[in-house]
């Protein structure tokens, strides 16, 4: 497998709208495999993106998005714990449904600009994702799985950060146009 670059993944890194809906068009069966959902301490990048204080807890949801059984995306969403009793309370009952069900059908939710980012191989996020990937799939995460995108969704003053990490093989697929 070749090296996935920012240019080769550009269409995915900058695709507006629901990533889940775009992925679903690549095959017959789209599924969300929930790896973890629970309360954890803030990470520095999440705290900064959400404009939160130095201390506190966040509700994190980590998943693998699959098409026809093939794992294509590792994703992590994070929201301040207090927001799950208010604007983001629907996260608690989401289960294996895509986060897109909450984000794209509500006119009160606004999304920040997408921010592509190359992860560091030895960085905490990459190592954490690789451990979960191995446990969930039985295979090692592709070494070139380094490109991600981040965005923040706002609803009623509460923010939710979403980070999506792409397999290099997606470089050969175009995400297509949004479904009308």
Protein backbone atom coordinates (compact mmCIF):
# COMPACT_ATOMS: atom_id res chain seq x y z
CA UNK A 1 0.00 0.00 0.00
CA UNK A 2 1.41 3.38 -0.95
CA UNK A 3 1.86 6.37 1.23
CA UNK A 4 -1.31 8.38 1.69
CA UNK A 5 -0.55 12.05 1.48
CA UNK A 6 -2.59 15.11 2.31
CA UNK A 7 -3.10 15.62 -1.44
CA UNK A 8 -4.23 12.04 -2.09
CA UNK A 9 -6.74 12.24 0.77
CA UNK A 10 -7.73 15.87 0.09
CA UNK A 11 -11.26 15.02 -1.06
CA UNK A 12 -11.91 13.13 2.19
CA UNK A 13 -10.17 15.61 4.48
CA UNK A 14 -12.23 18.50 3.11
CA UNK A 15 -15.53 16.75 2.30
CA UNK A 16 -18.41 18.69 3.88
CA UNK A 17 -21.42 17.09 5.50
CA UNK A 18 -21.69 13.60 6.89
CA UNK A 19 -18.66 11.34 6.54
CA UNK A 20 -20.86 8.36 7.46
CA UNK A 21 -23.21 9.01 4.56
CA UNK A 22 -20.28 9.33 2.14
CA UNK A 23 -18.73 6.10 3.37
CA UNK A 24 -22.05 4.26 3.14
CA UNK A 25 -22.10 4.94 -0.61
CA UNK A 26 -18.86 2.97 -1.04
CA UNK A 27 -20.47 -0.40 -0.37
CA UNK A 28 -23.47 -2.45 0.62
CA UNK A 29 -23.20 -2.35 4.42
CA UNK A 30 -22.09 0.55 6.62
CA UNK A 31 -21.61 0.01 10.34
CA UNK A 32 -20.35 1.79 13.42
CA UNK A 33 -18.32 -0.32 15.84
CA UNK A 34 -18.29 1.39 19.23
CA UNK A 35 -14.93 0.85 20.93
CA UNK A 36 -15.48 2.99 24.00
CA UNK A 37 -17.92 5.52 25.35
CA UNK A 38 -17.35 6.96 28.78
CA UNK A 39 -16.07 9.71 31.00
CA UNK A 40 -12.33 10.49 30.93
CA UNK A 41 -10.10 13.47 31.81
CA UNK A 42 -9.65 16.17 29.19
CA UNK A 43 -6.85 15.93 26.66
CA UNK A 44 -5.04 19.19 25.96
CA UNK A 45 -6.05 19.42 22.27
CA UNK A 46 -9.68 18.69 23.06
CA UNK A 47 -9.73 21.16 25.93
CA UNK A 48 -8.27 23.87 23.69
CA UNK A 49 -10.65 23.11 20.79
CA UNK A 50 -13.65 23.20 23.10
CA UNK A 51 -12.48 26.27 25.02
CA UNK A 52 -12.70 24.45 28.34
CA UNK A 53 -10.93 25.00 31.68
CA UNK A 54 -7.74 23.11 32.54
CA UNK A 55 -9.60 20.63 34.75
CA UNK A 56 -12.71 18.63 34.20
CA UNK A 57 -14.11 15.56 32.56
CA UNK A 58 -15.22 14.83 29.05
CA UNK A 59 -17.48 12.21 27.58
CA UNK A 60 -15.58 10.43 24.82
CA UNK A 61 -16.92 8.14 22.13
CA UNK A 62 -14.41 6.17 20.05
CA UNK A 63 -15.53 4.13 17.05
CA UNK A 64 -14.40 2.40 13.90
CA UNK A 65 -16.46 3.06 10.79
CA UNK A 66 -16.67 0.04 8.49
CA UNK A 67 -17.93 -0.55 4.98
CA UNK A 68 -18.69 -4.15 4.03
CA UNK A 69 -16.73 -5.22 7.11
CA UNK A 70 -13.59 -3.28 6.14
CA UNK A 71 -12.42 -0.77 8.78
CA UNK A 72 -11.87 2.63 7.14
CA UNK A 73 -12.01 5.30 9.86
CA UNK A 74 -11.09 5.52 13.53
CA UNK A 75 -13.00 8.40 15.12
CA UNK A 76 -13.12 10.09 18.51
CA UNK A 77 -15.70 12.58 19.67
CA UNK A 78 -15.41 14.53 22.91
CA UNK A 79 -17.77 16.82 24.77
CA UNK A 80 -17.70 18.37 28.25
CA UNK A 81 -19.49 16.05 30.67
CA UNK A 82 -21.97 18.79 31.68
CA UNK A 83 -23.15 19.14 28.06
CA UNK A 84 -24.45 15.54 28.08
CA UNK A 85 -27.22 16.61 30.45
CA UNK A 86 -28.07 19.53 28.18
CA UNK A 87 -27.56 20.19 24.47
CA UNK A 88 -25.69 16.93 23.77
CA UNK A 89 -27.75 14.55 25.97
CA UNK A 90 -28.72 12.47 22.91
CA UNK A 91 -25.12 11.17 22.79
CA UNK A 92 -25.90 8.89 25.72
CA UNK A 93 -28.41 6.82 23.75
CA UNK A 94 -26.65 6.84 20.38
CA UNK A 95 -25.32 3.28 20.63
CA UNK A 96 -24.04 1.96 17.28
CA UNK A 97 -25.87 4.60 15.25
CA UNK A 98 -23.65 7.12 13.44
CA UNK A 99 -23.04 10.44 15.15
CA UNK A 100 -24.29 11.99 11.90
CA UNK A 101 -27.84 11.21 13.04
CA UNK A 102 -27.42 13.92 15.66
CA UNK A 103 -25.26 16.39 13.77
CA UNK A 104 -26.74 16.95 10.33
CA UNK A 105 -30.49 16.94 10.85
CA UNK A 106 -30.61 19.70 13.47
CA UNK A 107 -30.56 23.31 12.20
CA UNK A 108 -29.35 24.49 15.63
CA UNK A 109 -26.01 22.71 15.16
CA UNK A 110 -23.17 24.57 13.46
CA UNK A 111 -19.83 23.12 12.38
CA UNK A 112 -16.44 24.80 12.41
CA UNK A 113 -14.09 24.68 9.46
CA UNK A 114 -12.51 21.27 8.89
CA UNK A 115 -8.89 21.15 10.04
CA UNK A 116 -6.71 18.45 8.43
CA UNK A 117 -3.84 17.27 10.61
CA UNK A 118 -1.06 14.74 10.25
CA UNK A 119 -0.61 12.73 13.43
CA UNK A 120 2.79 11.95 14.83
CA UNK A 121 3.53 8.21 14.74
CA UNK A 122 4.77 8.17 18.34
CA UNK A 123 2.04 10.57 19.53
CA UNK A 124 -0.50 9.60 22.18
CA UNK A 125 -3.56 9.72 19.88
CA UNK A 126 -1.93 7.54 17.20
CA UNK A 127 -0.72 4.99 19.77
CA UNK A 128 -4.14 4.88 21.45
CA UNK A 129 -5.95 4.46 18.12
CA UNK A 130 -3.50 1.73 17.07
CA UNK A 131 -4.13 -0.26 20.28
CA UNK A 132 -7.89 -0.05 19.82
CA UNK A 133 -7.62 -0.87 16.10
CA UNK A 134 -5.65 -4.05 16.84
CA UNK A 135 -8.11 -5.16 19.53
CA UNK A 136 -11.16 -4.43 17.35
CA UNK A 137 -9.95 -5.72 14.00
CA UNK A 138 -7.30 -8.31 14.85
CA UNK A 139 -4.88 -6.53 12.51
CA UNK A 140 -2.27 -3.83 12.91
CA UNK A 141 -3.34 -0.32 12.00
CA UNK A 142 -1.74 0.66 8.66
CA UNK A 143 1.55 2.46 9.37
CA UNK A 144 0.60 5.24 6.96
CA UNK A 145 -2.72 5.87 8.73
CA UNK A 146 -1.64 9.32 9.84
CA UNK A 147 -4.04 11.85 8.27
CA UNK A 148 -7.00 13.08 10.25
CA UNK A 149 -9.45 15.92 10.27
CA UNK A 150 -10.91 17.75 13.22
CA UNK A 151 -13.96 19.93 13.60
CA UNK A 152 -16.09 21.35 16.37
CA UNK A 153 -19.88 21.26 16.39
CA UNK A 154 -21.76 23.85 18.43
CA UNK A 155 -25.28 23.56 19.80
CA UNK A 156 -26.81 26.00 22.27
CA UNK A 157 -23.36 27.18 23.39
CA UNK A 158 -22.00 23.67 24.03
CA UNK A 159 -19.24 22.28 21.84
CA UNK A 160 -18.49 18.77 20.58
CA UNK A 161 -15.14 17.97 18.96
CA UNK A 162 -14.88 15.24 16.35
CA UNK A 163 -11.61 13.77 15.08
CA UNK A 164 -11.58 11.27 12.19
CA UNK A 165 -8.48 9.28 11.21
CA UNK A 166 -8.44 7.85 7.65
CA UNK A 167 -7.01 4.60 6.30
CA UNK A 168 -4.60 5.24 3.39
CA UNK A 169 -6.70 3.02 1.07
CA UNK A 170 -9.37 5.75 0.94
CA UNK A 171 -6.98 7.77 -1.22
CA UNK A 172 -8.14 5.63 -4.15
CA UNK A 173 -11.84 6.37 -3.60
CA UNK A 174 -13.65 9.63 -4.20
CA UNK A 175 -16.16 10.58 -1.52
CA UNK A 176 -18.67 11.73 -4.15
CA UNK A 177 -21.24 14.44 -3.84
CA UNK A 178 -23.64 14.81 -0.94
CA UNK A 179 -26.93 13.00 -1.33
CA UNK A 180 -29.61 15.51 -2.37
